[in-house]
């Protein structure tokens, strides 16, 4: 009788473990997929259409842009309640998902991708 009960309990536990493993695999992110709607990370590097790279550090109400030449520029949110548009004077950045549009005074706008 004890052997029969042990077998049933083992079979039931084994079934539960298999079910739990299957559920955890279906909730796992797929390899190679990214969430395009995710907010910009604190620091991200972008590859630009002209071959250069920029780094954008999100400070919440502003961003710090590190250009390919090593120059750093802080741009406040514009208008102040925005989380995707930053700029002042003749310089601006618009962040949309994994894309960034970089506008510098007197230059053609540059598209960059994270």
C-alpha atoms as a PDB file:
ATOM      1  CA  UNK A   1       0.000   0.000   0.000  1.00  0.00           C
ATOM      2  CA  UNK A   2       2.798   2.468   0.874  1.00  0.00           C
ATOM      3  CA  UNK A   3       4.551   1.709  -2.403  1.00  0.00           C
ATOM      4  CA  UNK A   4       1.381   2.460  -4.360  1.00  0.00           C
ATOM      5  CA  UNK A   5       0.930   5.811  -2.539  1.00  0.00           C
ATOM      6  CA  UNK A   6       4.583   6.737  -3.128  1.00  0.00           C
ATOM      7  CA  UNK A   7       4.165   5.977  -6.825  1.00  0.00           C
ATOM      8  CA  UNK A   8       1.022   8.150  -7.083  1.00  0.00           C
ATOM      9  CA  UNK A   9       2.652  11.075  -5.231  1.00  0.00           C
ATOM     10  CA  UNK A  10       5.768  10.821  -7.404  1.00  0.00           C
ATOM     11  CA  UNK A  11       3.661  10.724 -10.556  1.00  0.00           C
ATOM     12  CA  UNK A  12       1.625  13.749  -9.423  1.00  0.00           C
ATOM     13  CA  UNK A  13       4.747  15.757  -8.498  1.00  0.00           C
ATOM     14  CA  UNK A  14       6.416  14.848 -11.772  1.00  0.00           C
ATOM     15  CA  UNK A  15       3.345  16.082 -13.688  1.00  0.00           C
ATOM     16  CA  UNK A  16       3.382  19.358 -11.743  1.00  0.00           C
ATOM     17  CA  UNK A  17       7.076  19.876 -12.463  1.00  0.00           C
ATOM     18  CA  UNK A  18       6.561  19.276 -16.195  1.00  0.00           C
ATOM     19  CA  UNK A  19       3.641  21.737 -16.238  1.00  0.00           C
ATOM     20  CA  UNK A  20       5.644  24.375 -14.361  1.00  0.00           C
ATOM     21  CA  UNK A  21       8.573  23.986 -16.762  1.00  0.00           C
ATOM     22  CA  UNK A  22       6.293  24.397 -19.780  1.00  0.00           C
ATOM     23  CA  UNK A  23       4.640  27.505 -18.339  1.00  0.00           C
ATOM     24  CA  UNK A  24       7.982  29.144 -17.541  1.00  0.00           C
ATOM     25  CA  UNK A  25       9.202  28.471 -21.095  1.00  0.00           C
ATOM     26  CA  UNK A  26       6.135  30.050 -22.702  1.00  0.00           C
ATOM     27  CA  UNK A  27       6.599  33.224 -20.634  1.00  0.00           C
ATOM     28  CA  UNK A  28      10.306  33.488 -21.420  1.00  0.00           C
ATOM     29  CA  UNK A  29      11.313  36.170 -23.968  1.00  0.00           C
ATOM     30  CA  UNK A  30      12.167  34.827 -27.399  1.00  0.00           C
ATOM     31  CA  UNK A  31      15.797  35.004 -28.455  1.00  0.00           C
ATOM     32  CA  UNK A  32      16.513  37.944 -30.720  1.00  0.00           C
ATOM     33  CA  UNK A  33      13.319  39.855 -29.959  1.00  0.00           C
ATOM     34  CA  UNK A  34      13.268  43.318 -28.463  1.00  0.00           C
ATOM     35  CA  UNK A  35      10.484  45.462 -27.135  1.00  0.00           C
ATOM     36  CA  UNK A  36      10.300  48.447 -29.446  1.00  0.00           C
ATOM     37  CA  UNK A  37       7.917  50.255 -27.116  1.00  0.00           C
ATOM     38  CA  UNK A  38      10.280  50.101 -24.142  1.00  0.00           C
ATOM     39  CA  UNK A  39      11.384  53.489 -22.834  1.00  0.00           C
ATOM     40  CA  UNK A  40      14.870  54.674 -23.545  1.00  0.00           C
ATOM     41  CA  UNK A  41      17.411  53.179 -21.165  1.00  0.00           C
ATOM     42  CA  UNK A  42      19.450  55.449 -18.900  1.00  0.00           C
ATOM     43  CA  UNK A  43      22.363  55.351 -21.357  1.00  0.00           C
ATOM     44  CA  UNK A  44      22.160  54.237 -24.984  1.00  0.00           C
ATOM     45  CA  UNK A  45      24.527  54.302 -27.941  1.00  0.00           C
ATOM     46  CA  UNK A  46      23.151  55.156 -31.372  1.00  0.00           C
ATOM     47  CA  UNK A  47      24.646  54.413 -34.795  1.00  0.00           C
ATOM     48  CA  UNK A  48      23.971  57.306 -37.142  1.00  0.00           C
ATOM     49  CA  UNK A  49      23.362  57.370 -40.889  1.00  0.00           C
ATOM     50  CA  UNK A  50      26.664  59.164 -41.533  1.00  0.00           C
ATOM     51  CA  UNK A  51      28.635  56.354 -39.830  1.00  0.00           C
ATOM     52  CA  UNK A  52      29.211  58.200 -36.559  1.00  0.00           C
ATOM     53  CA  UNK A  53      28.078  57.092 -33.108  1.00  0.00           C
ATOM     54  CA  UNK A  54      26.540  59.134 -30.335  1.00  0.00           C
ATOM     55  CA  UNK A  55      25.700  58.271 -26.745  1.00  0.00           C
ATOM     56  CA  UNK A  56      22.581  59.669 -25.116  1.00  0.00           C
ATOM     57  CA  UNK A  57      22.246  59.643 -21.339  1.00  0.00           C
ATOM     58  CA  UNK A  58      18.644  60.110 -20.205  1.00  0.00           C
ATOM     59  CA  UNK A  59      18.573  62.303 -17.089  1.00  0.00           C
ATOM     60  CA  UNK A  60      14.767  62.445 -16.872  1.00  0.00           C
ATOM     61  CA  UNK A  61      14.039  66.112 -17.545  1.00  0.00           C
ATOM     62  CA  UNK A  62      17.038  66.433 -19.870  1.00  0.00           C
ATOM     63  CA  UNK A  63      19.499  64.365 -21.891  1.00  0.00           C
ATOM     64  CA  UNK A  64      23.277  64.512 -22.129  1.00  0.00           C
ATOM     65  CA  UNK A  65      24.550  63.882 -25.647  1.00  0.00           C
ATOM     66  CA  UNK A  66      28.115  62.701 -26.141  1.00  0.00           C
ATOM     67  CA  UNK A  67      29.090  63.281 -29.759  1.00  0.00           C
ATOM     68  CA  UNK A  68      31.589  61.305 -31.841  1.00  0.00           C
ATOM     69  CA  UNK A  69      34.203  63.994 -31.200  1.00  0.00           C
ATOM     70  CA  UNK A  70      33.841  63.571 -27.410  1.00  0.00           C
ATOM     71  CA  UNK A  71      31.953  66.840 -26.935  1.00  0.00           C
ATOM     72  CA  UNK A  72      29.138  66.707 -24.386  1.00  0.00           C
ATOM     73  CA  UNK A  73      25.938  68.758 -24.556  1.00  0.00           C
ATOM     74  CA  UNK A  74      22.981  68.850 -22.165  1.00  0.00           C
ATOM     75  CA  UNK A  75      19.561  69.428 -23.718  1.00  0.00           C
ATOM     76  CA  UNK A  76      16.471  70.074 -21.560  1.00  0.00           C
ATOM     77  CA  UNK A  77      13.052  68.595 -22.357  1.00  0.00           C
ATOM     78  CA  UNK A  78      11.232  70.867 -24.783  1.00  0.00           C
ATOM     79  CA  UNK A  79       8.520  71.564 -23.740  1.00  0.00           C
ATOM     80  CA  UNK A  80       9.318  70.781 -20.115  1.00  0.00           C
ATOM     81  CA  UNK A  81       6.770  67.944 -19.747  1.00  0.00           C
ATOM     82  CA  UNK A  82       8.180  65.920 -22.672  1.00  0.00           C
ATOM     83  CA  UNK A  83      10.140  62.670 -22.404  1.00  0.00           C
ATOM     84  CA  UNK A  84      11.022  62.303 -26.086  1.00  0.00           C
ATOM     85  CA  UNK A  85      11.828  65.831 -27.346  1.00  0.00           C
ATOM     86  CA  UNK A  86      14.841  67.719 -26.073  1.00  0.00           C
ATOM     87  CA  UNK A  87      16.515  70.893 -27.221  1.00  0.00           C
ATOM     88  CA  UNK A  88      17.470  74.505 -26.860  1.00  0.00           C
ATOM     89  CA  UNK A  89      18.590  77.262 -29.203  1.00  0.00           C
ATOM     90  CA  UNK A  90      19.334  75.570 -32.557  1.00  0.00           C
ATOM     91  CA  UNK A  91      20.021  72.012 -31.339  1.00  0.00           C
ATOM     92  CA  UNK A  92      17.396  69.319 -30.705  1.00  0.00           C
ATOM     93  CA  UNK A  93      16.898  65.567 -30.393  1.00  0.00           C
ATOM     94  CA  UNK A  94      13.670  63.632 -30.879  1.00  0.00           C
ATOM     95  CA  UNK A  95      13.691  60.069 -29.525  1.00  0.00           C
ATOM     96  CA  UNK A  96      11.105  57.633 -30.895  1.00  0.00           C
ATOM     97  CA  UNK A  97      11.556  54.057 -29.705  1.00  0.00           C
ATOM     98  CA  UNK A  98      14.922  52.893 -31.031  1.00  0.00           C
ATOM     99  CA  UNK A  99      15.314  55.893 -33.369  1.00  0.00           C
ATOM    100  CA  UNK A 100      16.692  59.337 -32.677  1.00  0.00           C
ATOM    101  CA  UNK A 101      16.582  62.373 -34.933  1.00  0.00           C
ATOM    102  CA  UNK A 102      19.492  64.699 -34.175  1.00  0.00           C
ATOM    103  CA  UNK A 103      19.246  68.299 -35.344  1.00  0.00           C
ATOM    104  CA  UNK A 104      22.203  70.679 -35.040  1.00  0.00           C
ATOM    105  CA  UNK A 105      21.987  74.317 -36.056  1.00  0.00           C
ATOM    106  CA  UNK A 106      23.142  74.841 -39.642  1.00  0.00           C
ATOM    107  CA  UNK A 107      23.435  71.108 -40.415  1.00  0.00           C
ATOM    108  CA  UNK A 108      21.182  68.544 -42.080  1.00  0.00           C
ATOM    109  CA  UNK A 109      19.154  66.477 -39.537  1.00  0.00           C
ATOM    110  CA  UNK A 110      20.740  63.111 -38.838  1.00  0.00           C
ATOM    111  CA  UNK A 111      18.883  59.841 -38.170  1.00  0.00           C
ATOM    112  CA  UNK A 112      20.384  57.421 -35.664  1.00  0.00           C
ATOM    113  CA  UNK A 113      19.342  53.952 -34.441  1.00  0.00           C
ATOM    114  CA  UNK A 114      19.910  52.240 -31.113  1.00  0.00           C
END
